[in-house]
């Protein structure tokens, strides 16, 4: 089926979390460098090179450092004052951004996934366009759902009402919408939540 180019897809980069599993020494996984680039900036560059536009980064914990790491990029930022309550508030904050509200769908990407490349983003965007903007599209690996995820506009109101740290899993299950899984390989499941994971995947921890 041919993808519909007129289906617009925006992107939200979730970069607000406290990174609690990094330990008490204050190191932040999103500021760890991969190939000399802070992870949050690397993730933003991957999105900006994709077919998703515009891109909004949701900040929270260490807002100043995260925003500094994004300096010079064509990316909007939105501070989530409720970031301590969990990921759902950051999703809601991003979807509430006026630039996102105008688009037919939104791709939600975690900023701590160093294996994600622009080709992965474009493959889930293409699948969403092929659905006419009416399906939920999830990156996956070996039938295991992962990230990123594209949500159609019909779910925006429910995304904005999410609470706690559940993310959107329950919403996906309850939505009654078709769910398209796109296998992008191990990158769909790889996030770096601990210092060991950062180092094992080629990252260099800074302060």
N, C-alpha and C. Protein backbone atom coordinates (compact mmCIF):
# COMPACT_ATOMS: atom_id res chain seq x y z
N UNK A 1 0.85 -1.19 0.00
CA UNK A 1 0.00 0.00 0.00
C UNK A 1 0.89 1.25 0.00
N UNK A 2 0.52 2.24 -0.77
CA UNK A 2 1.31 3.46 -0.86
C UNK A 2 1.09 4.32 0.37
N UNK A 3 2.18 4.89 0.91
CA UNK A 3 2.03 5.75 2.06
C UNK A 3 1.46 7.10 1.64
N UNK A 4 0.63 7.67 2.50
CA UNK A 4 0.03 8.97 2.21
C UNK A 4 0.92 10.07 2.77
N UNK A 5 1.50 10.84 1.86
CA UNK A 5 2.43 11.90 2.27
C UNK A 5 1.71 13.03 3.01
N UNK A 6 0.38 13.12 2.80
CA UNK A 6 -0.34 14.22 3.44
C UNK A 6 -0.66 13.93 4.90
N UNK A 7 -0.30 12.76 5.39
CA UNK A 7 -0.47 12.44 6.82
C UNK A 7 0.74 13.00 7.57
N UNK A 8 0.51 14.02 8.37
CA UNK A 8 1.62 14.70 9.05
C UNK A 8 1.94 14.02 10.38
N UNK A 9 3.22 13.86 10.65
CA UNK A 9 3.67 13.19 11.88
C UNK A 9 4.69 14.07 12.58
N UNK A 10 4.39 14.44 13.80
CA UNK A 10 5.31 15.20 14.64
C UNK A 10 6.08 14.23 15.54
N UNK A 11 7.01 14.75 16.33
CA UNK A 11 7.78 13.88 17.22
C UNK A 11 7.98 14.55 18.58
N UNK A 12 7.89 13.72 19.62
CA UNK A 12 8.19 14.15 20.98
C UNK A 12 9.39 13.35 21.47
N UNK A 13 10.40 14.05 21.98
CA UNK A 13 11.57 13.40 22.58
C UNK A 13 11.45 13.54 24.08
N UNK A 14 11.29 12.42 24.77
CA UNK A 14 11.12 12.44 26.23
C UNK A 14 12.47 12.50 26.91
N UNK A 15 12.78 13.67 27.50
CA UNK A 15 14.10 13.89 28.10
C UNK A 15 13.98 14.55 29.47
N UNK A 16 12.92 14.19 30.20
CA UNK A 16 12.63 14.87 31.47
C UNK A 16 12.95 14.04 32.70
N UNK A 17 13.22 12.74 32.54
CA UNK A 17 13.30 11.84 33.69
C UNK A 17 14.49 12.09 34.60
N UNK A 18 14.37 11.56 35.81
CA UNK A 18 15.41 11.74 36.82
C UNK A 18 16.57 10.76 36.69
N UNK A 19 16.40 9.72 35.90
CA UNK A 19 17.45 8.72 35.73
C UNK A 19 17.87 8.14 37.08
N UNK A 20 16.88 7.72 37.88
CA UNK A 20 17.16 7.24 39.24
C UNK A 20 18.09 6.04 39.27
N UNK A 21 18.00 5.19 38.25
CA UNK A 21 18.81 3.96 38.28
C UNK A 21 20.28 4.21 37.96
N UNK A 22 20.63 5.46 37.71
CA UNK A 22 22.03 5.80 37.47
C UNK A 22 22.81 5.90 38.77
N UNK A 23 22.12 5.83 39.92
CA UNK A 23 22.81 5.89 41.21
C UNK A 23 22.83 7.31 41.76
N UNK A 24 23.47 7.45 42.90
CA UNK A 24 23.41 8.70 43.66
C UNK A 24 24.54 9.67 43.35
N UNK A 25 25.37 9.33 42.36
CA UNK A 25 26.55 10.18 42.12
C UNK A 25 26.28 11.34 41.18
N UNK A 26 25.04 11.48 40.72
CA UNK A 26 24.68 12.65 39.94
C UNK A 26 24.93 12.54 38.45
N UNK A 27 25.51 11.43 37.99
CA UNK A 27 25.72 11.29 36.55
C UNK A 27 24.37 11.12 35.84
N UNK A 28 24.25 11.72 34.69
CA UNK A 28 22.97 11.69 33.96
C UNK A 28 23.18 10.96 32.64
N UNK A 29 22.38 9.90 32.43
CA UNK A 29 22.56 9.09 31.23
C UNK A 29 22.37 9.89 29.95
N UNK A 30 21.50 10.90 29.96
CA UNK A 30 21.24 11.64 28.73
C UNK A 30 22.38 12.58 28.36
N UNK A 31 23.27 12.82 29.32
CA UNK A 31 24.45 13.65 29.04
C UNK A 31 25.69 12.80 28.79
N UNK A 32 25.56 11.47 28.95
CA UNK A 32 26.66 10.57 28.59
C UNK A 32 26.93 10.72 27.09
N UNK A 33 28.20 10.64 26.72
CA UNK A 33 28.55 10.87 25.32
C UNK A 33 28.72 9.56 24.55
N UNK A 34 28.08 9.52 23.40
CA UNK A 34 28.23 8.42 22.44
C UNK A 34 28.84 9.03 21.19
N UNK A 35 30.01 8.51 20.79
CA UNK A 35 30.73 9.09 19.65
C UNK A 35 30.95 10.59 19.85
N UNK A 36 31.19 10.98 21.10
CA UNK A 36 31.50 12.38 21.40
C UNK A 36 30.32 13.31 21.46
N UNK A 37 29.11 12.77 21.38
CA UNK A 37 27.90 13.60 21.38
C UNK A 37 27.00 13.19 22.56
N UNK A 38 26.52 14.14 23.36
CA UNK A 38 25.60 13.78 24.45
C UNK A 38 24.41 12.98 23.91
N UNK A 39 24.00 11.96 24.64
CA UNK A 39 22.95 11.05 24.15
C UNK A 39 21.67 11.80 23.78
N UNK A 40 21.28 12.77 24.59
CA UNK A 40 20.03 13.49 24.29
C UNK A 40 20.15 14.26 22.97
N UNK A 41 21.34 14.80 22.70
CA UNK A 41 21.54 15.51 21.43
C UNK A 41 21.55 14.54 20.26
N UNK A 42 22.20 13.41 20.47
CA UNK A 42 22.23 12.37 19.43
C UNK A 42 20.81 11.94 19.07
N UNK A 43 19.97 11.72 20.10
CA UNK A 43 18.58 11.30 19.86
C UNK A 43 17.81 12.38 19.11
N UNK A 44 18.05 13.64 19.47
CA UNK A 44 17.38 14.75 18.79
C UNK A 44 17.79 14.83 17.33
N UNK A 45 19.08 14.65 17.04
CA UNK A 45 19.58 14.71 15.67
C UNK A 45 18.95 13.60 14.82
N UNK A 46 18.81 12.41 15.41
CA UNK A 46 18.16 11.29 14.71
C UNK A 46 16.74 11.66 14.31
N UNK A 47 16.00 12.28 15.22
CA UNK A 47 14.62 12.68 14.92
C UNK A 47 14.58 13.80 13.88
N UNK A 48 15.46 14.78 14.02
CA UNK A 48 15.45 15.92 13.12
C UNK A 48 15.78 15.53 11.68
N UNK A 49 16.52 14.45 11.51
CA UNK A 49 16.87 13.98 10.16
C UNK A 49 15.77 13.11 9.56
N UNK A 50 14.73 12.81 10.33
CA UNK A 50 13.69 11.89 9.89
C UNK A 50 12.56 12.62 9.18
N UNK A 51 11.54 11.85 8.79
CA UNK A 51 10.36 12.42 8.13
C UNK A 51 9.34 12.96 9.13
N UNK A 52 9.67 12.94 10.41
CA UNK A 52 8.78 13.50 11.43
C UNK A 52 9.15 14.96 11.68
N UNK A 53 8.15 15.83 11.64
CA UNK A 53 8.40 17.24 11.91
C UNK A 53 7.09 17.91 12.32
N UNK A 54 7.11 18.84 13.27
CA UNK A 54 8.25 19.32 14.05
C UNK A 54 8.65 18.35 15.14
N UNK A 55 9.76 18.66 15.82
CA UNK A 55 10.25 17.86 16.94
C UNK A 55 10.24 18.71 18.20
N UNK A 56 9.65 18.17 19.27
CA UNK A 56 9.59 18.86 20.56
C UNK A 56 10.26 17.99 21.61
N UNK A 57 11.23 18.55 22.33
CA UNK A 57 11.87 17.84 23.44
C UNK A 57 11.21 18.26 24.74
N UNK A 58 10.79 17.28 25.53
CA UNK A 58 10.20 17.57 26.84
C UNK A 58 11.30 17.44 27.89
N UNK A 59 11.54 18.53 28.62
CA UNK A 59 12.60 18.55 29.63
C UNK A 59 12.01 18.59 31.03
N UNK A 60 12.86 18.29 32.01
CA UNK A 60 12.43 18.31 33.40
C UNK A 60 13.66 18.32 34.30
N UNK A 61 14.10 17.12 34.70
CA UNK A 61 15.30 16.98 35.53
C UNK A 61 16.50 17.58 34.81
N UNK A 62 17.26 18.41 35.53
CA UNK A 62 18.44 19.09 34.97
C UNK A 62 18.13 19.78 33.65
N UNK A 63 17.04 20.53 33.67
CA UNK A 63 16.55 21.23 32.47
C UNK A 63 17.64 22.03 31.78
N UNK A 64 18.40 22.80 32.55
CA UNK A 64 19.42 23.66 31.96
C UNK A 64 20.48 22.88 31.21
N UNK A 65 20.94 21.78 31.81
CA UNK A 65 21.98 20.96 31.17
C UNK A 65 21.45 20.29 29.91
N UNK A 66 20.21 19.81 29.98
CA UNK A 66 19.62 19.14 28.81
C UNK A 66 19.42 20.14 27.67
N UNK A 67 18.89 21.31 28.00
CA UNK A 67 18.67 22.32 26.96
C UNK A 67 19.99 22.80 26.37
N UNK A 68 21.03 22.89 27.21
CA UNK A 68 22.35 23.29 26.71
C UNK A 68 22.88 22.25 25.71
N UNK A 69 22.60 20.98 25.98
CA UNK A 69 23.06 19.90 25.09
C UNK A 69 22.34 19.94 23.74
N UNK A 70 21.21 20.64 23.69
CA UNK A 70 20.43 20.73 22.44
C UNK A 70 20.66 22.05 21.70
N UNK A 71 21.58 22.86 22.20
CA UNK A 71 21.84 24.17 21.62
C UNK A 71 22.14 24.08 20.13
N UNK A 72 21.50 24.97 19.36
CA UNK A 72 21.79 25.06 17.93
C UNK A 72 20.96 24.15 17.06
N UNK A 73 20.15 23.28 17.67
CA UNK A 73 19.30 22.37 16.88
C UNK A 73 17.93 23.01 16.67
N UNK A 74 17.31 22.66 15.56
CA UNK A 74 15.98 23.19 15.22
C UNK A 74 14.91 22.38 15.95
N UNK A 75 14.92 22.51 17.27
CA UNK A 75 14.02 21.70 18.09
C UNK A 75 13.37 22.59 19.13
N UNK A 76 12.06 22.42 19.30
CA UNK A 76 11.36 23.16 20.35
C UNK A 76 11.53 22.41 21.67
N UNK A 77 11.55 23.14 22.77
CA UNK A 77 11.60 22.48 24.08
C UNK A 77 10.39 22.89 24.89
N UNK A 78 9.93 21.97 25.72
CA UNK A 78 8.78 22.22 26.58
C UNK A 78 9.10 21.67 27.96
N UNK A 79 9.13 22.53 28.97
CA UNK A 79 9.46 22.08 30.33
C UNK A 79 8.23 21.48 30.99
N UNK A 80 8.40 20.29 31.56
CA UNK A 80 7.31 19.61 32.26
C UNK A 80 7.47 19.85 33.76
N UNK A 81 6.67 20.73 34.34
CA UNK A 81 6.81 21.02 35.77
C UNK A 81 6.44 19.84 36.66
N UNK A 82 5.75 18.85 36.09
CA UNK A 82 5.31 17.68 36.87
C UNK A 82 6.18 16.46 36.61
N UNK A 83 7.42 16.66 36.14
CA UNK A 83 8.23 15.52 35.70
C UNK A 83 8.49 14.51 36.82
N UNK A 84 8.42 14.96 38.08
CA UNK A 84 8.67 14.03 39.19
C UNK A 84 7.59 12.96 39.31
N UNK A 85 6.43 13.19 38.71
CA UNK A 85 5.32 12.23 38.83
C UNK A 85 5.45 11.05 37.87
N UNK A 86 6.37 11.13 36.92
CA UNK A 86 6.58 10.00 36.02
C UNK A 86 6.42 10.36 34.56
N UNK A 87 6.62 9.34 33.72
CA UNK A 87 6.68 9.54 32.28
C UNK A 87 5.36 10.06 31.68
N UNK A 88 4.24 9.65 32.25
CA UNK A 88 2.94 10.02 31.67
C UNK A 88 2.79 11.53 31.57
N UNK A 89 3.25 12.25 32.59
CA UNK A 89 3.11 13.71 32.57
C UNK A 89 3.96 14.32 31.46
N UNK A 90 5.08 13.68 31.13
CA UNK A 90 5.92 14.19 30.04
C UNK A 90 5.28 13.95 28.68
N UNK A 91 4.65 12.78 28.52
CA UNK A 91 3.90 12.51 27.29
C UNK A 91 2.79 13.55 27.14
N UNK A 92 2.05 13.78 28.23
CA UNK A 92 0.96 14.75 28.21
C UNK A 92 1.46 16.15 27.88
N UNK A 93 2.60 16.52 28.47
CA UNK A 93 3.19 17.84 28.22
C UNK A 93 3.55 17.99 26.74
N UNK A 94 4.15 16.96 26.17
CA UNK A 94 4.55 17.02 24.77
C UNK A 94 3.36 17.10 23.83
N UNK A 95 2.36 16.25 24.07
CA UNK A 95 1.19 16.22 23.19
C UNK A 95 0.41 17.54 23.28
N UNK A 96 0.51 18.21 24.42
CA UNK A 96 -0.19 19.49 24.61
C UNK A 96 0.46 20.64 23.86
N UNK A 97 1.68 20.46 23.38
CA UNK A 97 2.38 21.53 22.68
C UNK A 97 1.60 21.91 21.41
N UNK A 98 1.41 23.22 21.18
CA UNK A 98 0.57 23.63 20.04
C UNK A 98 1.03 23.10 18.68
N UNK A 99 2.34 22.96 18.49
CA UNK A 99 2.83 22.45 17.20
C UNK A 99 2.46 20.98 17.00
N UNK A 100 2.37 20.23 18.10
CA UNK A 100 2.01 18.81 18.01
C UNK A 100 0.53 18.66 17.69
N UNK A 101 -0.28 19.51 18.31
CA UNK A 101 -1.74 19.39 18.20
C UNK A 101 -2.23 19.46 16.76
N UNK A 102 -1.47 20.12 15.89
CA UNK A 102 -1.90 20.30 14.50
C UNK A 102 -1.63 19.08 13.62
N UNK A 103 -0.86 18.12 14.13
CA UNK A 103 -0.42 17.00 13.28
C UNK A 103 -1.33 15.79 13.40
N UNK A 104 -1.34 14.97 12.35
CA UNK A 104 -2.22 13.79 12.31
C UNK A 104 -1.76 12.66 13.23
N UNK A 105 -0.49 12.69 13.58
CA UNK A 105 0.05 11.67 14.48
C UNK A 105 1.29 12.19 15.15
N UNK A 106 1.71 11.51 16.22
CA UNK A 106 2.93 11.92 16.92
C UNK A 106 3.73 10.68 17.29
N UNK A 107 5.02 10.76 17.02
CA UNK A 107 5.91 9.68 17.42
C UNK A 107 6.52 10.03 18.77
N UNK A 108 6.40 9.12 19.71
CA UNK A 108 6.96 9.33 21.05
C UNK A 108 8.23 8.51 21.17
N UNK A 109 9.34 9.20 21.42
CA UNK A 109 10.64 8.54 21.49
C UNK A 109 11.30 8.83 22.83
N UNK A 110 11.87 7.80 23.43
CA UNK A 110 12.65 7.96 24.65
C UNK A 110 14.05 8.45 24.26
N UNK A 111 14.58 9.37 25.06
CA UNK A 111 15.88 9.96 24.70
C UNK A 111 17.06 9.07 25.07
N UNK A 112 16.80 7.94 25.74
CA UNK A 112 17.92 7.11 26.23
C UNK A 112 18.09 5.82 25.44
N UNK A 113 17.81 5.89 24.13
CA UNK A 113 17.89 4.70 23.28
C UNK A 113 18.96 4.90 22.20
N UNK A 114 20.22 4.57 22.50
CA UNK A 114 21.33 4.89 21.60
C UNK A 114 21.33 4.11 20.29
N UNK A 115 20.57 3.01 20.22
CA UNK A 115 20.57 2.21 19.00
C UNK A 115 19.63 2.71 17.92
N UNK A 116 18.75 3.64 18.27
CA UNK A 116 17.76 4.14 17.31
C UNK A 116 18.44 5.06 16.29
N UNK A 117 18.20 4.80 15.01
CA UNK A 117 18.73 5.64 13.94
C UNK A 117 17.56 6.18 13.12
N UNK A 118 17.85 7.15 12.27
CA UNK A 118 16.80 7.81 11.48
C UNK A 118 16.01 6.83 10.63
N UNK A 119 16.67 5.82 10.11
CA UNK A 119 15.97 4.81 9.30
C UNK A 119 14.85 4.12 10.09
N UNK A 120 15.10 3.88 11.38
CA UNK A 120 14.06 3.27 12.22
C UNK A 120 12.86 4.20 12.35
N UNK A 121 13.14 5.48 12.59
CA UNK A 121 12.06 6.45 12.71
C UNK A 121 11.23 6.49 11.43
N UNK A 122 11.92 6.56 10.30
CA UNK A 122 11.20 6.66 9.02
C UNK A 122 10.37 5.42 8.72
N UNK A 123 10.82 4.27 9.18
CA UNK A 123 10.06 3.04 8.90
C UNK A 123 8.74 3.02 9.68
N UNK A 124 8.73 3.52 10.92
CA UNK A 124 7.46 3.55 11.66
C UNK A 124 6.56 4.68 11.16
N UNK A 125 7.17 5.80 10.74
CA UNK A 125 6.38 6.89 10.15
C UNK A 125 5.72 6.42 8.85
N UNK A 126 6.47 5.69 8.03
CA UNK A 126 5.93 5.18 6.77
C UNK A 126 4.74 4.25 7.03
N UNK A 127 4.88 3.37 8.03
CA UNK A 127 3.78 2.45 8.35
C UNK A 127 2.55 3.21 8.82
N UNK A 128 2.77 4.28 9.58
CA UNK A 128 1.65 5.09 10.06
C UNK A 128 0.94 5.76 8.88
N UNK A 129 1.71 6.26 7.94
CA UNK A 129 1.11 6.90 6.76
C UNK A 129 0.37 5.88 5.90
N UNK A 130 0.91 4.66 5.84
CA UNK A 130 0.22 3.62 5.07
C UNK A 130 -1.11 3.23 5.71
N UNK A 131 -1.22 3.46 7.02
CA UNK A 131 -2.49 3.16 7.71
C UNK A 131 -3.49 4.29 7.54
N UNK A 132 -3.09 5.34 6.82
CA UNK A 132 -3.97 6.50 6.67
C UNK A 132 -4.03 7.34 7.92
N UNK A 133 -3.06 7.14 8.82
CA UNK A 133 -3.04 7.88 10.08
C UNK A 133 -4.03 7.37 11.10
N UNK A 134 -4.43 6.10 10.96
CA UNK A 134 -5.50 5.57 11.81
C UNK A 134 -5.07 4.43 12.71
N UNK A 135 -3.80 4.04 12.66
CA UNK A 135 -3.32 2.93 13.50
C UNK A 135 -2.28 3.42 14.50
N UNK A 136 -2.09 2.65 15.56
CA UNK A 136 -0.95 2.84 16.44
C UNK A 136 0.19 2.01 15.85
N UNK A 137 1.35 2.60 15.71
CA UNK A 137 2.50 1.89 15.15
C UNK A 137 3.60 1.80 16.20
N UNK A 138 4.06 0.57 16.46
CA UNK A 138 5.08 0.34 17.48
C UNK A 138 6.31 -0.29 16.85
N UNK A 139 7.48 0.25 17.19
CA UNK A 139 8.70 -0.46 16.87
C UNK A 139 8.76 -1.70 17.74
N UNK A 140 9.34 -2.78 17.20
CA UNK A 140 9.39 -4.03 17.96
C UNK A 140 10.65 -4.80 17.59
N UNK A 141 10.88 -5.87 18.35
CA UNK A 141 11.97 -6.79 18.03
C UNK A 141 11.52 -8.19 18.42
N UNK A 142 11.43 -9.07 17.43
CA UNK A 142 11.03 -10.44 17.71
C UNK A 142 9.70 -10.56 18.42
N UNK A 143 8.72 -9.82 17.95
CA UNK A 143 7.36 -9.82 18.52
C UNK A 143 7.24 -9.14 19.88
N UNK A 144 8.35 -8.59 20.39
CA UNK A 144 8.27 -7.83 21.65
C UNK A 144 8.11 -6.35 21.33
N UNK A 145 7.03 -5.73 21.82
CA UNK A 145 6.83 -4.31 21.54
C UNK A 145 7.89 -3.46 22.22
N UNK A 146 8.31 -2.42 21.53
CA UNK A 146 9.32 -1.53 22.08
C UNK A 146 9.01 -0.09 21.75
N UNK A 147 10.06 0.67 21.49
CA UNK A 147 9.94 2.09 21.18
C UNK A 147 10.78 2.40 19.94
N UNK A 148 10.42 3.48 19.23
CA UNK A 148 9.35 4.45 19.48
C UNK A 148 7.96 3.96 19.07
N UNK A 149 6.96 4.79 19.41
CA UNK A 149 5.56 4.48 19.12
C UNK A 149 4.93 5.69 18.45
N UNK A 150 4.10 5.45 17.42
CA UNK A 150 3.33 6.54 16.80
C UNK A 150 1.87 6.41 17.22
N UNK A 151 1.33 7.54 17.69
CA UNK A 151 -0.08 7.60 18.09
C UNK A 151 -0.85 8.50 17.14
N UNK A 152 -2.06 8.07 16.71
CA UNK A 152 -2.88 8.93 15.87
C UNK A 152 -3.57 10.03 16.68
N UNK A 153 -3.96 11.06 15.98
CA UNK A 153 -4.54 12.25 16.61
C UNK A 153 -5.76 11.93 17.47
N UNK A 154 -6.50 10.90 17.09
CA UNK A 154 -7.72 10.55 17.82
C UNK A 154 -7.42 10.21 19.28
N UNK A 155 -6.17 9.89 19.60
CA UNK A 155 -5.79 9.53 20.98
C UNK A 155 -5.17 10.69 21.76
N UNK A 156 -5.00 11.85 21.13
CA UNK A 156 -4.31 12.95 21.83
C UNK A 156 -4.96 13.31 23.17
N UNK A 157 -6.29 13.41 23.17
CA UNK A 157 -6.97 13.80 24.42
C UNK A 157 -6.68 12.80 25.54
N UNK A 158 -6.66 11.52 25.18
CA UNK A 158 -6.40 10.49 26.19
C UNK A 158 -4.92 10.51 26.62
N UNK A 159 -4.02 10.81 25.71
CA UNK A 159 -2.61 10.91 26.06
C UNK A 159 -2.39 12.07 27.03
N UNK A 160 -3.10 13.16 26.83
CA UNK A 160 -2.96 14.32 27.69
C UNK A 160 -3.49 14.03 29.10
N UNK A 161 -4.39 13.08 29.21
CA UNK A 161 -4.96 12.75 30.53
C UNK A 161 -4.20 11.63 31.24
N UNK A 162 -3.15 11.11 30.64
CA UNK A 162 -2.37 10.05 31.28
C UNK A 162 -1.77 10.54 32.60
N UNK A 163 -1.59 9.62 33.55
CA UNK A 163 -0.97 10.01 34.82
C UNK A 163 -0.05 8.89 35.30
N UNK A 164 0.86 9.26 36.19
CA UNK A 164 1.74 8.27 36.80
C UNK A 164 2.89 7.87 35.90
N UNK A 165 3.42 6.67 36.11
CA UNK A 165 4.59 6.23 35.37
C UNK A 165 4.27 5.05 34.45
N UNK A 166 2.98 4.96 34.05
CA UNK A 166 2.57 3.81 33.24
C UNK A 166 2.90 3.99 31.77
N UNK A 167 3.28 5.21 31.36
CA UNK A 167 3.44 5.44 29.94
C UNK A 167 2.10 5.26 29.26
N UNK A 168 2.10 4.68 28.08
CA UNK A 168 0.84 4.58 27.32
C UNK A 168 0.43 3.14 27.08
N UNK A 169 1.04 2.20 27.82
CA UNK A 169 0.74 0.77 27.58
C UNK A 169 -0.75 0.45 27.67
N UNK A 170 -1.38 0.92 28.76
CA UNK A 170 -2.79 0.59 28.97
C UNK A 170 -3.67 1.26 27.92
N UNK A 171 -3.30 2.47 27.56
CA UNK A 171 -4.06 3.18 26.54
C UNK A 171 -4.03 2.41 25.22
N UNK A 172 -2.88 1.89 24.87
CA UNK A 172 -2.75 1.12 23.63
C UNK A 172 -3.67 -0.10 23.68
N UNK A 173 -3.67 -0.78 24.83
CA UNK A 173 -4.49 -1.98 24.97
C UNK A 173 -5.99 -1.66 24.91
N UNK A 174 -6.37 -0.50 25.44
CA UNK A 174 -7.78 -0.14 25.54
C UNK A 174 -8.32 0.62 24.33
N UNK A 175 -7.44 1.01 23.43
CA UNK A 175 -7.84 1.97 22.39
C UNK A 175 -8.78 1.39 21.33
N UNK A 176 -8.77 0.07 21.16
CA UNK A 176 -9.55 -0.61 20.12
C UNK A 176 -9.04 -0.28 18.71
N UNK A 177 -7.92 0.42 18.62
CA UNK A 177 -7.36 0.75 17.31
C UNK A 177 -6.43 -0.37 16.85
N UNK A 178 -6.25 -0.50 15.54
CA UNK A 178 -5.27 -1.48 15.07
C UNK A 178 -3.87 -1.09 15.53
N UNK A 179 -3.07 -2.10 15.90
CA UNK A 179 -1.68 -1.86 16.30
C UNK A 179 -0.78 -2.55 15.28
N UNK A 180 0.07 -1.77 14.62
CA UNK A 180 1.00 -2.29 13.62
C UNK A 180 2.38 -2.37 14.26
N UNK A 181 2.98 -3.56 14.22
CA UNK A 181 4.31 -3.75 14.79
C UNK A 181 5.33 -3.74 13.65
N UNK A 182 6.36 -2.93 13.79
CA UNK A 182 7.43 -2.84 12.80
C UNK A 182 8.73 -3.30 13.46
N UNK A 183 9.26 -4.43 13.00
CA UNK A 183 10.48 -4.98 13.61
C UNK A 183 11.70 -4.21 13.12
N UNK A 184 12.33 -3.47 14.03
CA UNK A 184 13.51 -2.69 13.67
C UNK A 184 14.78 -3.30 14.26
N UNK A 185 14.64 -4.49 14.88
CA UNK A 185 15.81 -5.13 15.47
C UNK A 185 15.99 -4.77 16.94
N UNK A 186 17.13 -5.14 17.53
CA UNK A 186 17.36 -4.99 18.97
C UNK A 186 17.25 -3.55 19.47
N UNK A 187 17.45 -2.57 18.59
CA UNK A 187 17.40 -1.16 19.02
C UNK A 187 16.07 -0.79 19.65
N UNK A 188 15.00 -1.50 19.28
CA UNK A 188 13.66 -1.18 19.79
C UNK A 188 13.54 -1.43 21.29
N UNK A 189 14.40 -2.28 21.81
CA UNK A 189 14.31 -2.67 23.23
C UNK A 189 15.48 -2.16 24.05
N UNK A 190 16.45 -1.48 23.42
CA UNK A 190 17.66 -1.09 24.11
C UNK A 190 17.57 0.32 24.66
N UNK A 191 17.40 0.44 25.98
CA UNK A 191 17.57 1.74 26.62
C UNK A 191 18.67 1.60 27.66
N UNK A 192 19.34 2.69 27.95
CA UNK A 192 20.48 2.64 28.87
C UNK A 192 20.07 3.28 30.19
N UNK A 193 19.66 2.43 31.14
CA UNK A 193 19.12 2.92 32.41
C UNK A 193 20.13 2.93 33.55
N UNK A 194 21.27 2.26 33.36
CA UNK A 194 22.25 2.14 34.43
C UNK A 194 23.63 2.54 33.89
N UNK A 195 24.57 2.89 34.80
CA UNK A 195 25.92 3.20 34.34
C UNK A 195 26.54 2.05 33.54
N UNK A 196 26.29 0.81 33.97
CA UNK A 196 26.84 -0.35 33.26
C UNK A 196 26.30 -0.41 31.84
N UNK A 197 24.98 -0.17 31.68
CA UNK A 197 24.37 -0.22 30.35
C UNK A 197 24.94 0.87 29.44
N UNK A 198 25.17 2.05 30.01
CA UNK A 198 25.76 3.15 29.21
C UNK A 198 27.12 2.72 28.67
N UNK A 199 27.96 2.20 29.57
CA UNK A 199 29.35 1.85 29.20
C UNK A 199 29.36 0.66 28.24
N UNK A 200 28.53 -0.35 28.51
CA UNK A 200 28.51 -1.54 27.66
C UNK A 200 28.08 -1.23 26.22
N UNK A 201 27.32 -0.15 26.06
CA UNK A 201 26.82 0.21 24.73
C UNK A 201 27.61 1.36 24.11
N UNK A 202 28.80 1.58 24.62
CA UNK A 202 29.70 2.51 23.98
C UNK A 202 29.65 3.94 24.47
N UNK A 203 28.96 4.16 25.59
CA UNK A 203 28.86 5.52 26.11
C UNK A 203 29.99 5.86 27.08
N UNK A 204 30.23 7.16 27.22
CA UNK A 204 31.20 7.68 28.18
C UNK A 204 30.47 8.56 29.16
N UNK A 205 30.52 8.19 30.45
CA UNK A 205 29.81 8.94 31.48
C UNK A 205 30.56 10.20 31.87
N UNK A 206 29.83 11.30 31.87
CA UNK A 206 30.35 12.57 32.36
C UNK A 206 29.55 12.95 33.61
N UNK A 207 29.73 14.13 34.12
CA UNK A 207 28.96 14.54 35.31
C UNK A 207 27.52 14.84 34.94
